[in-house]
Amino acid sequence: MIGALSISPLPSGVLVARYVRGGEVRTGSFA
């Protein structure tokens, strides 16, 4: 995968994964 992967835990206990690829940013929430 080309880009940077950053996973940050939120106080609510939800993990937010941010995918940065080719200048495109995708945010996904996983319970």
Protein backbone atom coordinates (compact mmCIF):
# COMPACT_ATOMS: atom_id res chain seq x y z
CA MET A 1 0.00 0.00 0.00
CA ILE A 2 1.33 3.40 -0.96
CA GLY A 3 0.80 6.11 1.65
CA ALA A 4 0.72 6.45 5.41
CA LEU A 5 -1.46 4.56 7.85
CA SER A 6 -2.32 6.14 11.16
CA ILE A 7 -4.60 4.60 13.77
CA SER A 8 -5.71 6.75 16.70
CA PRO A 9 -7.90 5.53 19.59
CA LEU A 10 -10.68 7.91 20.64
CA PRO A 11 -11.89 8.46 24.23
CA SER A 12 -15.16 6.82 23.16
CA GLY A 13 -13.24 3.64 22.47
CA VAL A 14 -13.65 3.91 18.70
CA LEU A 15 -10.64 3.40 16.48
CA VAL A 16 -10.26 5.85 13.64
CA ALA A 17 -8.08 4.70 10.77
CA ARG A 18 -6.87 7.38 8.39
CA TYR A 19 -5.52 6.27 5.03
CA VAL A 20 -3.48 8.80 3.11
CA ARG A 21 -2.91 7.67 -0.46
CA GLY A 22 -2.05 9.83 -3.43
CA GLY A 23 -3.31 12.89 -1.56
CA GLU A 24 -6.58 11.12 -0.87
CA VAL A 25 -7.64 10.90 2.76
CA ARG A 26 -10.11 8.25 3.91
CA THR A 27 -11.47 8.07 7.44
CA GLY A 28 -13.08 4.88 8.72
CA SER A 29 -14.55 4.11 12.12
CA PHE A 30 -14.34 0.63 13.62
CA ALA A 31 -16.22 -0.42 16.76
